[in-house]
Protein backbone atom coordinates (compact mmCIF):
# COMPACT_ATOMS: atom_id res chain seq x y z
CA MET A 1 -30.60 -38.55 -42.37
CA TRP A 2 -30.73 -34.82 -43.03
CA HIS A 3 -33.77 -34.74 -40.78
CA ASN A 4 -31.53 -35.43 -37.81
CA ALA A 5 -29.58 -32.25 -38.57
CA TYR A 6 -32.32 -30.49 -36.63
CA PHE A 7 -30.60 -31.70 -33.48
CA LEU A 8 -27.13 -30.40 -34.33
CA VAL A 9 -27.57 -27.07 -32.52
CA PRO A 10 -29.19 -28.49 -29.35
CA THR A 11 -26.51 -31.18 -29.24
CA VAL A 12 -23.78 -28.54 -29.29
CA LEU A 13 -25.60 -26.47 -26.68
CA LEU A 14 -26.07 -29.44 -24.37
CA THR A 15 -22.48 -30.59 -24.75
CA ALA A 16 -21.14 -27.11 -24.02
CA ALA A 17 -23.46 -26.72 -21.01
CA VAL A 18 -22.46 -30.09 -19.53
CA LEU A 19 -18.74 -29.43 -19.98
CA HIS A 20 -19.02 -25.96 -18.48
CA ALA A 21 -21.03 -27.21 -15.49
CA SER A 22 -18.50 -29.96 -14.87
CA GLN A 23 -15.60 -27.52 -15.06
CA THR A 24 -17.14 -24.97 -12.70
CA ARG A 25 -18.04 -27.70 -10.20
CA GLN A 26 -14.43 -28.86 -10.20
CA LEU A 27 -13.31 -25.29 -9.55
CA VAL A 28 -15.50 -25.20 -6.44
CA LYS A 29 -13.62 -28.26 -5.16
CA ARG A 30 -10.20 -26.86 -6.07
CA VAL A 31 -7.97 -26.10 -3.09
CA PRO A 32 -5.14 -23.72 -4.13
CA GLN A 33 -3.07 -24.17 -0.95
CA ALA A 34 -4.04 -27.59 0.34
CA LYS A 35 -2.87 -28.28 3.89
CA GLY A 36 -3.77 -30.64 6.68
CA LEU A 37 -6.33 -29.67 9.27
CA PRO A 38 -4.87 -27.32 11.91
CA GLY A 39 -6.65 -29.29 14.63
CA ARG A 40 -7.46 -27.20 17.69
CA GLY A 41 -4.77 -24.68 16.80
CA LEU A 42 -6.88 -22.57 14.44
CA PRO A 43 -6.53 -18.82 15.13
CA LEU A 44 -9.42 -17.16 16.93
CA LEU A 45 -10.90 -15.10 14.13
CA ASP A 46 -10.33 -17.84 11.55
CA ALA A 47 -12.40 -20.13 13.77
CA ALA A 48 -15.09 -17.45 14.08
CA PHE A 49 -15.30 -17.06 10.30
CA LEU A 50 -15.44 -20.80 9.76
CA ALA A 51 -18.17 -21.29 12.35
CA GLY A 52 -20.32 -18.25 11.65
CA GLY A 53 -19.01 -16.12 8.81
CA PRO A 54 -18.11 -12.41 8.83
CA GLY A 55 -20.78 -11.53 11.39
CA ARG A 56 -19.26 -13.93 13.90
CA VAL A 57 -15.82 -12.43 13.25
CA PHE A 58 -17.12 -8.97 14.10
CA ASP A 59 -18.85 -10.19 17.25
CA THR A 60 -15.73 -11.99 18.44
CA ALA A 61 -13.42 -9.10 17.65
CA LEU A 62 -15.66 -6.53 19.36
CA VAL A 63 -15.95 -8.64 22.51
CA ARG A 64 -12.18 -8.96 22.51
CA MET A 65 -11.75 -5.21 22.10
CA HIS A 66 -14.31 -4.54 24.82
CA GLN A 67 -12.46 -6.82 27.23
CA ALA A 68 -9.17 -5.16 26.38
CA GLY A 69 -10.62 -1.69 26.98
CA LEU A 70 -10.31 -0.54 23.37
CA VAL A 71 -14.03 0.16 23.03
CA VAL A 72 -17.06 0.70 25.25
CA VAL A 73 -20.52 -0.42 24.12
CA ASN A 74 -23.62 0.90 25.88
CA ARG A 75 -27.08 -0.64 26.03
CA GLY A 76 -28.33 1.65 23.29
CA GLY A 77 -25.80 0.22 20.83
CA LEU A 78 -23.37 3.13 20.69
CA VAL A 79 -19.73 2.06 20.34
CA THR A 80 -17.17 4.47 21.76
CA LEU A 81 -13.48 4.15 20.95
CA THR A 82 -11.14 4.61 23.90
CA THR A 83 -7.37 4.17 23.93
CA GLY A 84 -5.04 1.31 23.21
CA ARG A 85 -3.38 -0.45 20.33
CA PRO A 86 -5.30 -2.74 17.94
CA TYR A 87 -4.34 -6.39 18.23
CA ASP A 88 -4.63 -7.27 14.54
CA ALA A 89 -6.00 -6.11 11.18
CA VAL A 90 -9.62 -6.78 12.16
CA ASP A 91 -9.28 -4.57 15.26
CA LEU A 92 -7.82 -1.90 13.00
CA ALA A 93 -10.78 -2.30 10.62
CA VAL A 94 -13.15 -1.73 13.54
CA ILE A 95 -11.27 1.42 14.57
CA GLU A 96 -11.26 2.75 11.00
CA ALA A 97 -14.97 2.01 10.62
CA ILE A 98 -15.76 3.90 13.84
CA GLY A 99 -14.07 6.90 12.30
CA PRO A 100 -12.49 10.08 13.63
CA GLY A 101 -15.56 10.93 15.69
CA LYS A 102 -14.67 8.04 18.03
CA GLN A 103 -18.31 6.90 18.15
CA ARG A 104 -20.63 4.93 15.88
CA GLU A 105 -23.85 2.97 16.13
CA LEU A 106 -23.29 -0.75 16.48
CA ALA A 107 -25.45 -1.99 13.59
CA PRO A 108 -23.83 0.06 10.77
CA LEU A 109 -20.42 -0.56 12.33
CA ARG A 110 -21.07 -4.29 12.16
CA ARG A 111 -21.98 -4.14 8.47
CA ALA A 112 -18.96 -2.00 7.61
CA VAL A 113 -16.48 -4.27 9.36
CA MET A 114 -18.01 -7.42 7.86
CA ARG A 115 -17.19 -6.27 4.35
CA SER A 116 -13.76 -4.86 5.23
CA ALA A 117 -10.73 -6.33 3.49
CA ALA A 118 -9.34 -7.67 6.77
CA VAL A 119 -12.45 -9.81 7.38
CA GLN A 120 -12.88 -10.83 3.74
CA GLU A 121 -9.33 -12.14 3.62
CA LEU A 122 -10.07 -14.52 6.49
CA GLY A 123 -12.65 -16.28 4.33
CA ASP A 124 -10.31 -16.35 1.35
CA LYS A 125 -7.61 -17.94 3.46
CA LEU A 126 -9.97 -20.61 4.75
CA ALA A 127 -11.15 -21.32 1.20
CA ASP A 128 -7.53 -21.69 0.09
CA ARG A 129 -7.09 -24.32 2.78
CA GLY A 130 -10.18 -26.18 1.63
CA LEU A 131 -12.29 -25.45 4.73
CA LEU A 132 -14.80 -23.17 2.97
CA ARG A 133 -16.20 -23.05 -0.55
CA ASN A 134 -15.60 -19.87 -2.50
CA PRO A 135 -18.99 -18.10 -2.95
CA GLN A 136 -18.15 -16.67 -6.36
CA ARG A 137 -17.22 -20.09 -7.68
CA MET A 138 -20.39 -21.55 -6.16
CA ALA A 139 -22.46 -18.87 -7.91
CA ARG A 140 -20.80 -19.68 -11.23
CA ALA A 141 -21.41 -23.40 -10.68
CA ARG A 142 -25.10 -22.80 -9.99
CA ALA A 143 -25.42 -20.66 -13.12
CA ALA A 144 -23.67 -23.32 -15.21
CA HIS A 145 -25.97 -25.99 -13.80
CA ARG A 146 -29.04 -23.97 -14.83
CA ARG A 147 -27.72 -23.80 -18.40
CA ILE A 148 -28.13 -27.57 -18.68
CA TRP A 149 -31.86 -27.09 -18.08
CA PHE A 150 -31.98 -24.49 -20.86
CA ALA A 151 -30.13 -26.87 -23.19
CA LEU A 152 -32.61 -29.64 -22.38
CA LEU A 153 -35.46 -27.26 -23.13
CA ALA A 154 -33.84 -26.55 -26.51
CA VAL A 155 -33.75 -30.31 -27.21
CA VAL A 156 -37.45 -30.69 -26.42
CA LEU A 157 -38.48 -27.66 -28.46
CA THR A 158 -36.33 -28.74 -31.39
CA THR A 159 -37.84 -32.23 -31.33
CA GLY A 160 -41.36 -30.84 -31.42
CA LEU A 161 -40.45 -28.42 -34.19
CA ALA A 162 -38.77 -31.15 -36.25
CA TYR A 163 -41.83 -33.41 -36.12
CA LEU A 164 -44.10 -30.48 -36.91
CA LEU A 165 -42.08 -29.41 -39.96
CA ASP A 166 -41.66 -32.96 -41.30
CA ARG A 167 -45.19 -34.04 -40.52
CA GLY A 168 -45.98 -35.06 -44.10
CA ASP A 169 -42.63 -36.66 -44.95
CA ALA A 170 -42.15 -40.38 -45.13
CA GLU A 171 -38.85 -40.10 -43.27
CA ARG A 172 -39.12 -38.54 -39.85
CA PRO A 173 -36.37 -37.48 -37.43
CA ALA A 174 -35.10 -40.39 -35.35
CA LEU A 175 -36.79 -40.23 -31.96
CA TRP A 176 -34.02 -42.17 -30.23
CA PHE A 177 -31.54 -39.34 -30.71
CA PRO A 178 -33.38 -36.59 -28.77
CA LEU A 179 -34.26 -39.16 -26.12
CA LEU A 180 -30.57 -39.95 -25.79
CA LEU A 181 -29.80 -36.23 -25.44
CA VAL A 182 -32.44 -35.88 -22.73
CA ALA A 183 -31.02 -38.89 -20.87
CA VAL A 184 -27.50 -37.49 -21.05
CA GLY A 185 -28.75 -34.12 -19.82
CA LEU A 186 -30.62 -35.61 -16.87
CA VAL A 187 -27.62 -37.67 -15.82
CA SER A 188 -25.44 -34.57 -16.12
CA LEU A 189 -27.84 -32.60 -13.92
CA VAL A 190 -27.34 -35.14 -11.17
CA ALA A 191 -23.58 -35.44 -11.69
CA THR A 192 -22.96 -31.67 -11.70
CA ARG A 193 -25.45 -30.56 -9.04
CA PRO A 194 -23.98 -27.70 -7.00
CA PHE A 195 -22.61 -28.26 -3.53
CA LYS A 196 -24.80 -27.25 -0.63
CA GLY A 197 -23.52 -25.10 2.20
CA ARG A 198 -20.43 -22.95 2.47
CA ILE A 199 -18.45 -25.32 4.71
CA THR A 200 -16.61 -28.22 3.09
CA PRO A 201 -16.39 -31.71 4.63
CA ALA A 202 -12.88 -30.77 5.80
CA GLY A 203 -14.31 -27.65 7.44
CA VAL A 204 -16.96 -29.73 9.20
CA ARG A 205 -14.25 -32.04 10.55
CA GLN A 206 -12.23 -29.02 11.66
CA LEU A 207 -15.16 -27.64 13.65
CA ALA A 208 -15.79 -31.06 15.16
CA LEU A 209 -12.18 -31.16 16.38
CA MET A 210 -12.65 -27.81 18.11
CA SER A 211 -16.09 -28.52 19.60
CA THR A 212 -15.23 -31.60 21.61
CA ALA A 213 -17.68 -32.02 24.47
CA GLY A 214 -16.14 -31.59 27.92
CA ASN A 215 -13.04 -29.92 26.50
CA PRO A 216 -13.87 -26.28 25.69
CA TRP A 217 -11.75 -24.81 22.96
CA LYS A 218 -9.29 -22.08 23.84
CA PRO A 219 -7.54 -20.43 20.90
CA SER A 220 -3.79 -20.43 20.84
CA ALA A 221 -3.61 -17.26 18.71
CA GLY A 222 -5.68 -14.12 18.26
CA LEU A 223 -5.72 -13.17 21.95
CA SER A 224 -4.37 -10.30 23.97
CA SER A 225 -3.21 -10.68 27.53
CA ALA A 226 -6.33 -8.99 28.91
CA ASN A 227 -8.74 -11.47 27.36
CA SER A 228 -10.40 -14.65 28.49
CA GLY A 229 -9.54 -17.27 25.87
CA LEU A 230 -12.36 -19.62 26.88
CA LEU A 231 -15.01 -16.92 26.55
CA LEU A 232 -13.73 -15.74 23.18
CA GLY A 233 -13.49 -19.33 21.97
CA ALA A 234 -17.12 -19.87 22.98
CA VAL A 235 -18.20 -16.71 21.13
CA ALA A 236 -16.24 -17.72 18.02
CA LEU A 237 -17.67 -21.23 17.84
CA GLY A 238 -21.15 -20.80 19.27
CA GLY A 239 -22.07 -17.15 18.92
CA LEU A 240 -23.18 -14.52 21.40
CA ALA A 241 -26.28 -16.27 22.69
CA ALA A 242 -24.55 -19.59 23.25
CA ALA A 243 -21.47 -18.09 24.90
CA GLY A 244 -23.06 -15.74 27.41
CA LEU A 245 -20.84 -12.69 27.77
CA GLY A 246 -21.46 -12.05 31.45
CA ASP A 247 -22.03 -8.38 30.57
CA GLU A 248 -25.77 -7.88 30.15
CA GLU A 249 -25.49 -4.44 28.59
CA LEU A 250 -22.94 -5.56 26.01
CA GLN A 251 -24.78 -8.75 25.16
CA GLU A 252 -28.12 -7.00 24.78
CA ALA A 253 -26.68 -4.38 22.43
CA MET A 254 -24.80 -6.91 20.29
CA LEU A 255 -27.73 -9.31 20.00
CA ALA A 256 -29.96 -6.40 18.96
CA ALA A 257 -27.46 -5.41 16.24
CA ALA A 258 -27.27 -9.00 14.96
CA ALA A 259 -31.07 -9.22 14.91
CA ALA A 260 -31.27 -5.95 12.98
CA ASP A 261 -28.85 -7.37 10.42
CA GLU A 262 -30.99 -10.49 10.05
CA GLN A 263 -34.08 -8.36 9.45
CA ALA A 264 -32.21 -6.24 6.91
CA ARG A 265 -31.03 -9.40 5.16
CA ALA A 266 -34.55 -10.84 4.98
CA PHE A 267 -35.94 -7.53 3.71
CA ALA A 268 -33.18 -7.20 1.10
CA ALA A 269 -33.69 -10.78 -0.07
CA GLY A 270 -37.42 -10.17 -0.48
CA SER A 271 -36.88 -6.88 -2.27
CA LEU A 272 -34.33 -8.38 -4.63
CA SER A 273 -36.49 -11.37 -5.50
CA SER A 274 -39.46 -9.11 -6.27
CA SER A 275 -37.37 -6.61 -8.22
CA SER A 276 -35.74 -9.34 -10.27
CA SER A 277 -39.20 -10.50 -11.38
CA SER A 278 -40.19 -6.97 -12.33
CA PRO A 279 -39.55 -5.97 -15.97
CA SER A 280 -38.47 -2.51 -14.79
CA SER A 281 -35.60 -3.75 -12.63
CA SER A 282 -32.19 -2.64 -13.84
CA SER A 283 -29.52 -4.97 -15.17
CA SER A 284 -26.97 -3.57 -12.75
CA SER A 285 -29.18 -4.49 -9.83
CA SER A 286 -29.70 -8.05 -11.01
CA SER A 287 -26.03 -8.60 -11.66
CA SER A 288 -25.25 -7.18 -8.25
CA SER A 289 -27.68 -9.51 -6.52
CA SER A 290 -26.10 -12.55 -8.08
CA SER A 291 -22.46 -11.70 -7.66
CA CYS A 292 -21.94 -12.41 -4.00
CA GLY A 293 -24.66 -14.29 -2.29
CA GLY A 294 -27.16 -13.80 0.73
CA ALA A 295 -26.64 -11.67 3.79
CA ALA A 296 -23.55 -12.75 5.51
CA THR A 297 -21.07 -10.74 3.56
CA TRP A 298 -18.33 -12.91 2.21
CA CYS A 299 -17.84 -12.04 -1.43
CA GLY A 300 -14.93 -14.42 -1.90
CA SER A 301 -11.85 -13.98 -4.07
CA SER A 302 -12.53 -12.39 -7.41
CA SER A 303 -10.05 -14.65 -9.18
CA ASP A 304 -8.97 -18.26 -9.10
CA SER A 305 -5.59 -17.24 -7.77
CA GLY A 306 -7.09 -16.65 -4.35
CA SER A 307 -6.57 -12.90 -4.18
CA SER A 308 -8.99 -10.95 -2.03
CA PRO A 309 -11.65 -8.94 -3.84
CA SER A 310 -10.67 -5.32 -3.96
CA ASN A 311 -14.20 -3.92 -4.08
CA CYS A 312 -16.04 -5.78 -1.35
CA GLY A 313 -14.82 -3.59 1.44
CA SER A 314 -15.18 -0.31 -0.40
CA SER A 315 -18.00 1.93 -1.43
CA SER A 316 -18.95 -0.54 -4.10
CA CYS A 317 -20.48 -2.68 -1.40
CA GLY A 318 -22.00 0.14 0.34
CA SER A 319 -25.57 1.40 0.99
CA SER A 320 -28.56 -0.67 1.84
CA SER A 321 -30.14 -2.04 -1.29
CA SER A 322 -28.67 -5.50 -1.22
CA SER A 323 -26.99 -8.08 0.93
CA CYS A 324 -24.13 -10.53 1.04
CA SER A 325 -24.08 -14.18 1.99
CA SER A 326 -22.72 -16.34 4.75
CA SER A 327 -24.37 -16.47 8.07
CA SER A 328 -25.65 -13.47 9.89
CA SER A 329 -25.80 -10.01 8.44
CA SER A 330 -26.40 -7.75 5.49
CA CYS A 331 -24.01 -6.07 3.14
CA GLY A 332 -26.39 -3.68 1.53
CA SER A 333 -25.32 -2.28 -1.75
CA SER A 334 -26.37 -1.62 -5.27
CA SER A 335 -22.97 -2.27 -6.70
CA SER A 336 -20.85 -5.09 -8.00
CA CYS A 337 -20.46 -6.66 -4.59
CA GLY A 338 -24.12 -6.50 -4.25
CA SER A 339 -26.60 -8.50 -2.34
CA SER A 340 -24.98 -11.80 -1.96
CA CYS A 341 -21.51 -11.79 -0.62
CA GLY A 342 -20.68 -15.01 0.96
CA GLY A 343 -22.23 -18.05 1.92
CA GLY A 344 -24.20 -19.11 4.41
CA GLY A 345 -21.92 -18.70 3.57
CA CYS A 346 -21.48 -12.47 0.20
CA GLY A 347 -20.93 -16.83 2.09
CA SER A 348 -21.92 -17.70 5.59
């Protein structure tokens, strides 16, 4: 029976990989502050984040500020800050991102606001309610799932090595045991496969409640008196193109900025995939690219307690070498927040 001791190490590896994958998958499903669906009473910017991620939040907030006279956007994509009080923390993030010069180009402004703490916390709050899946937990679950494949590879290699080493012995390793390990591993791969998409089934039901045909959604919160609730609701749920702003200059500039973000996201994703396959790529770059997620900029809470990540809105998520993940923009950086913040999911 000592021949079967060959399989002790791969058995331990496979067991540990399966348990870890199961645990991380359960963490993705965990809802820290479970509540019932808010129905059609979801706040404006929460609805925008749920439907389209951080990019949709920025678009909705900027349209709201434009309507309220807080900013002016010209056809060339220059945002000029005027006068007035910000309605909420996201408005304040826009003002801070514009800076003391009172003017900033729309595309970099969009990226800066998307990774601001005010916008990131919207995603964390929705994840706490069980409407979105936390992108960091999803990344850990995917990594844990891949480890099962590595453990299965160890089983196969060990089996071949055992038969090679004991080729002349009368007693050979029992073939049923590695076959059992492979069967357990394959079943575990199916049972622990990562969830797809950043929106949970509860989040899908929430959006369905708000998108009832013939009954356009009008938010009950997140408005100022100068705004059209129906228009902002349409932007939050359907995006700029679907809503139709009625202001050709504003819509043209904002659609151009969103398109530029999509191109930057695609370029960053291609650059990261090629650099990760290159032996000269740095370890800090590869860890950055895996920490958040695709180009829509929701990094997700950095802990299981639901606290907002402290570095996603700072310089650590800052130049243009990576992206973040949810639905419609890039969060370029070469730092810990890196190229995949949110889901689209760095998170839609």
